[in-house]
N, C-alpha and C. Protein backbone atom coordinates (compact mmCIF):
# COMPACT_ATOMS: atom_id res chain seq x y z
N MET A 1 209.76 19.06 -52.11
CA MET A 1 208.52 18.32 -52.00
C MET A 1 208.16 18.03 -50.54
N ALA A 2 209.15 17.89 -49.70
CA ALA A 2 208.89 17.63 -48.28
C ALA A 2 208.17 18.80 -47.64
N ASP A 3 208.45 20.02 -48.07
CA ASP A 3 207.77 21.20 -47.52
C ASP A 3 206.28 21.17 -47.81
N ASP A 4 205.88 20.70 -48.99
CA ASP A 4 204.47 20.63 -49.36
C ASP A 4 203.72 19.64 -48.46
N GLU A 5 204.35 18.54 -48.13
CA GLU A 5 203.71 17.54 -47.29
C GLU A 5 203.50 18.07 -45.88
N GLU A 6 204.41 18.87 -45.36
CA GLU A 6 204.28 19.42 -44.02
C GLU A 6 203.15 20.42 -43.93
N GLU A 7 202.87 21.14 -44.99
CA GLU A 7 201.80 22.13 -45.00
C GLU A 7 200.42 21.48 -44.91
N ASP A 8 200.27 20.24 -45.32
CA ASP A 8 198.98 19.55 -45.35
C ASP A 8 198.69 18.78 -44.07
N THR A 9 199.32 19.15 -42.95
CA THR A 9 199.13 18.40 -41.72
C THR A 9 197.90 18.85 -40.93
N GLU A 10 197.26 19.94 -41.32
CA GLU A 10 196.06 20.38 -40.63
C GLU A 10 194.90 19.45 -40.97
N PRO A 11 193.96 19.27 -40.04
CA PRO A 11 192.83 18.38 -40.33
C PRO A 11 191.97 18.94 -41.46
N ALA A 12 191.41 18.05 -42.24
CA ALA A 12 190.56 18.46 -43.36
C ALA A 12 189.25 19.05 -42.86
N VAL A 13 188.81 18.62 -41.68
CA VAL A 13 187.57 19.11 -41.10
C VAL A 13 187.89 19.63 -39.70
N GLU A 14 187.48 20.84 -39.41
CA GLU A 14 187.68 21.41 -38.09
C GLU A 14 186.72 20.74 -37.10
N LEU A 15 187.23 20.33 -35.97
CA LEU A 15 186.40 19.75 -34.92
C LEU A 15 186.05 20.85 -33.93
N GLY A 16 184.80 20.89 -33.55
CA GLY A 16 184.34 21.93 -32.66
C GLY A 16 184.53 21.58 -31.20
N ASP A 17 184.20 22.54 -30.36
CA ASP A 17 184.27 22.35 -28.92
C ASP A 17 182.88 22.14 -28.35
N GLY A 18 182.01 21.48 -29.09
CA GLY A 18 180.63 21.28 -28.68
C GLY A 18 180.51 20.37 -27.48
N PRO A 19 179.31 20.18 -27.03
CA PRO A 19 179.07 19.34 -25.85
C PRO A 19 179.41 17.88 -26.13
N GLU A 20 179.83 17.20 -25.08
CA GLU A 20 180.15 15.78 -25.22
C GLU A 20 178.87 14.96 -25.22
N VAL A 21 178.94 13.80 -25.86
CA VAL A 21 177.81 12.89 -25.91
C VAL A 21 178.13 11.72 -24.99
N GLU A 22 177.24 11.46 -24.03
CA GLU A 22 177.47 10.38 -23.07
C GLU A 22 177.18 9.03 -23.72
N GLY A 23 177.98 8.05 -23.37
CA GLY A 23 177.82 6.70 -23.90
C GLY A 23 178.70 6.46 -25.10
N VAL A 24 178.67 5.21 -25.58
CA VAL A 24 179.46 4.84 -26.75
C VAL A 24 178.52 4.43 -27.88
N PRO A 25 178.98 4.56 -29.11
CA PRO A 25 178.15 4.11 -30.23
C PRO A 25 177.94 2.59 -30.17
N LEU A 26 176.80 2.15 -30.65
CA LEU A 26 176.49 0.72 -30.67
C LEU A 26 177.55 -0.06 -31.45
N ALA A 27 178.05 0.52 -32.53
CA ALA A 27 179.06 -0.16 -33.35
C ALA A 27 180.32 -0.47 -32.56
N GLN A 28 180.66 0.37 -31.60
CA GLN A 28 181.84 0.14 -30.77
C GLN A 28 181.65 -1.11 -29.91
N VAL A 29 180.47 -1.27 -29.36
CA VAL A 29 180.17 -2.46 -28.56
C VAL A 29 180.18 -3.69 -29.46
N THR A 30 179.52 -3.58 -30.60
CA THR A 30 179.42 -4.70 -31.52
C THR A 30 180.79 -5.18 -31.97
N SER A 31 181.72 -4.27 -32.16
CA SER A 31 183.05 -4.65 -32.64
C SER A 31 183.82 -5.49 -31.62
N ARG A 32 183.42 -5.43 -30.36
CA ARG A 32 184.11 -6.21 -29.32
C ARG A 32 183.53 -7.60 -29.14
N LEU A 33 182.48 -7.92 -29.87
CA LEU A 33 181.81 -9.21 -29.73
C LEU A 33 182.09 -10.11 -30.93
N HIS A 34 181.85 -11.41 -30.75
CA HIS A 34 181.89 -12.36 -31.85
C HIS A 34 180.48 -12.94 -31.99
N PHE A 35 180.15 -13.41 -33.15
CA PHE A 35 178.79 -13.91 -33.40
C PHE A 35 178.86 -15.29 -33.99
N GLY A 36 177.89 -16.16 -33.71
CA GLY A 36 176.72 -16.17 -32.89
C GLY A 36 177.06 -16.15 -31.42
N ILE A 37 176.21 -15.45 -30.71
CA ILE A 37 176.41 -15.26 -29.29
C ILE A 37 175.05 -15.16 -28.59
N GLU A 38 174.96 -15.72 -27.39
CA GLU A 38 173.73 -15.67 -26.62
C GLU A 38 173.57 -14.31 -25.95
N LYS A 39 172.33 -13.91 -25.74
CA LYS A 39 172.05 -12.64 -25.08
C LYS A 39 172.70 -12.59 -23.71
N SER A 40 172.66 -13.68 -22.97
CA SER A 40 173.24 -13.70 -21.63
C SER A 40 174.75 -13.46 -21.67
N GLU A 41 175.41 -13.94 -22.70
CA GLU A 41 176.86 -13.72 -22.84
C GLU A 41 177.16 -12.27 -23.19
N VAL A 42 176.34 -11.66 -24.04
CA VAL A 42 176.50 -10.24 -24.35
C VAL A 42 176.31 -9.43 -23.07
N ASP A 43 175.31 -9.78 -22.29
CA ASP A 43 175.03 -9.08 -21.04
C ASP A 43 176.20 -9.24 -20.06
N ARG A 44 176.76 -10.42 -19.97
CA ARG A 44 177.89 -10.66 -19.08
C ARG A 44 179.10 -9.82 -19.49
N ARG A 45 179.38 -9.76 -20.77
CA ARG A 45 180.57 -9.06 -21.26
C ARG A 45 180.39 -7.54 -21.32
N GLU A 46 179.24 -7.10 -21.82
CA GLU A 46 179.07 -5.68 -22.14
C GLU A 46 177.88 -5.02 -21.46
N GLY A 47 177.20 -5.74 -20.57
CA GLY A 47 175.97 -5.22 -19.96
C GLY A 47 176.13 -3.91 -19.22
N ASP A 48 177.30 -3.67 -18.65
CA ASP A 48 177.50 -2.42 -17.90
C ASP A 48 177.91 -1.25 -18.80
N THR A 49 178.02 -1.49 -20.10
CA THR A 49 178.38 -0.44 -21.05
C THR A 49 177.17 0.46 -21.30
N THR A 50 177.41 1.76 -21.32
CA THR A 50 176.36 2.73 -21.62
C THR A 50 176.43 3.05 -23.10
N ILE A 51 175.30 2.86 -23.80
CA ILE A 51 175.26 3.14 -25.23
C ILE A 51 174.47 4.41 -25.50
N ARG A 52 174.73 5.02 -26.65
CA ARG A 52 174.01 6.21 -27.07
C ARG A 52 172.71 5.79 -27.73
N THR A 53 171.62 6.45 -27.35
CA THR A 53 170.32 6.19 -27.97
C THR A 53 169.64 7.53 -28.24
N PRO A 54 168.61 7.54 -29.09
CA PRO A 54 167.88 8.78 -29.34
C PRO A 54 167.22 9.37 -28.10
N ASP A 55 166.97 8.54 -27.08
CA ASP A 55 166.37 9.02 -25.84
C ASP A 55 167.40 9.31 -24.76
N GLY A 56 168.66 9.33 -25.14
CA GLY A 56 169.74 9.56 -24.18
C GLY A 56 170.48 8.27 -23.87
N PRO A 57 171.51 8.36 -23.05
CA PRO A 57 172.32 7.17 -22.74
C PRO A 57 171.53 6.13 -21.96
N ARG A 58 171.80 4.84 -22.29
CA ARG A 58 171.15 3.73 -21.59
C ARG A 58 172.15 2.61 -21.40
N ASP A 59 172.02 1.89 -20.30
CA ASP A 59 172.87 0.72 -20.07
C ASP A 59 172.42 -0.39 -21.01
N LEU A 60 173.40 -1.04 -21.63
CA LEU A 60 173.08 -2.11 -22.57
C LEU A 60 172.31 -3.23 -21.88
N SER A 61 172.59 -3.50 -20.62
CA SER A 61 171.89 -4.55 -19.89
C SER A 61 170.38 -4.30 -19.86
N ALA A 62 169.99 -3.06 -19.63
CA ALA A 62 168.56 -2.71 -19.60
C ALA A 62 167.93 -2.88 -20.98
N VAL A 63 168.66 -2.49 -22.02
CA VAL A 63 168.15 -2.63 -23.38
C VAL A 63 167.99 -4.10 -23.74
N LEU A 64 168.99 -4.91 -23.38
CA LEU A 64 168.90 -6.35 -23.65
C LEU A 64 167.70 -6.97 -22.94
N GLY A 65 167.39 -6.49 -21.75
CA GLY A 65 166.25 -6.99 -21.00
C GLY A 65 164.92 -6.75 -21.69
N GLU A 66 164.88 -5.75 -22.55
CA GLU A 66 163.65 -5.41 -23.28
C GLU A 66 163.52 -6.15 -24.62
N THR A 67 164.57 -6.85 -25.04
CA THR A 67 164.50 -7.58 -26.31
C THR A 67 163.99 -9.00 -26.09
N ASP A 68 163.30 -9.52 -27.09
CA ASP A 68 162.79 -10.88 -27.03
C ASP A 68 163.80 -11.91 -27.52
N GLU A 69 164.85 -11.44 -28.17
CA GLU A 69 165.86 -12.35 -28.73
C GLU A 69 166.67 -13.00 -27.61
N THR A 70 167.05 -14.25 -27.81
CA THR A 70 167.91 -14.92 -26.84
C THR A 70 169.26 -15.29 -27.45
N TYR A 71 169.37 -15.16 -28.79
CA TYR A 71 170.59 -15.54 -29.51
C TYR A 71 170.74 -14.62 -30.70
N PHE A 72 171.96 -14.15 -30.92
CA PHE A 72 172.25 -13.28 -32.06
C PHE A 72 173.21 -14.02 -32.98
N SER A 73 172.70 -14.45 -34.13
CA SER A 73 173.53 -15.24 -35.03
C SER A 73 174.54 -14.40 -35.80
N THR A 74 174.22 -13.12 -36.02
CA THR A 74 175.11 -12.24 -36.77
C THR A 74 175.19 -10.87 -36.11
N ARG A 75 176.17 -10.12 -36.52
CA ARG A 75 176.31 -8.73 -36.05
C ARG A 75 175.07 -7.93 -36.40
N GLN A 76 174.59 -8.12 -37.61
CA GLN A 76 173.41 -7.39 -38.07
C GLN A 76 172.18 -7.74 -37.22
N ALA A 77 172.02 -9.01 -36.86
CA ALA A 77 170.88 -9.42 -36.04
C ALA A 77 170.94 -8.73 -34.68
N PHE A 78 172.13 -8.62 -34.10
CA PHE A 78 172.30 -7.96 -32.81
C PHE A 78 171.95 -6.47 -32.92
N GLU A 79 172.54 -5.79 -33.89
CA GLU A 79 172.30 -4.36 -34.05
C GLU A 79 170.84 -4.06 -34.37
N THR A 80 170.21 -4.91 -35.18
CA THR A 80 168.79 -4.72 -35.50
C THR A 80 167.93 -4.86 -34.26
N ALA A 81 168.21 -5.87 -33.44
CA ALA A 81 167.43 -6.08 -32.21
C ALA A 81 167.57 -4.89 -31.26
N ILE A 82 168.78 -4.37 -31.13
CA ILE A 82 169.00 -3.23 -30.24
C ILE A 82 168.32 -1.99 -30.80
N ARG A 83 168.46 -1.74 -32.09
CA ARG A 83 167.83 -0.56 -32.69
C ARG A 83 166.31 -0.65 -32.69
N ASP A 84 165.78 -1.85 -32.83
CA ASP A 84 164.33 -2.02 -32.74
C ASP A 84 163.83 -1.67 -31.33
N THR A 85 164.67 -1.88 -30.35
CA THR A 85 164.30 -1.59 -28.96
C THR A 85 164.47 -0.10 -28.61
N VAL A 86 165.59 0.49 -29.00
CA VAL A 86 165.88 1.88 -28.61
C VAL A 86 165.46 2.90 -29.66
N GLY A 87 165.23 2.44 -30.89
CA GLY A 87 164.87 3.36 -31.96
C GLY A 87 166.11 3.90 -32.67
N THR A 88 165.86 4.70 -33.68
CA THR A 88 166.95 5.33 -34.43
C THR A 88 166.66 6.82 -34.51
N GLY A 89 167.69 7.56 -34.73
CA GLY A 89 167.55 9.00 -34.84
C GLY A 89 168.73 9.71 -34.23
N PRO A 90 168.67 11.04 -34.19
CA PRO A 90 169.78 11.80 -33.63
C PRO A 90 169.96 11.54 -32.14
N VAL A 91 171.19 11.57 -31.72
CA VAL A 91 171.53 11.37 -30.31
C VAL A 91 171.64 12.74 -29.66
N PRO A 92 170.92 12.96 -28.55
CA PRO A 92 170.97 14.27 -27.91
C PRO A 92 172.33 14.54 -27.27
N THR A 93 172.69 15.82 -27.24
CA THR A 93 173.92 16.24 -26.58
C THR A 93 173.55 16.95 -25.29
N GLU A 94 174.53 17.15 -24.44
CA GLU A 94 174.29 17.79 -23.14
C GLU A 94 173.86 19.23 -23.31
């Protein structure tokens, strides 16, 4: 039975050698924060982080500057505000 387990070590999905995508997913930034949190605190902690957007990579600080929100009570409120600013859709590759 041990031989059967060793045969299944290959990945279920082949990963390609495609172009890299600059920036990090918004969910990665969100996971490092706690909520409720003020916009200024998000900017202090994560403002220099580059996030992936449909228009290409953008600094989170610049995106936060375009939002009208000053406080994010929940994770969903934060992500909604950011997505309302940058839009949704496919992220371009190099």
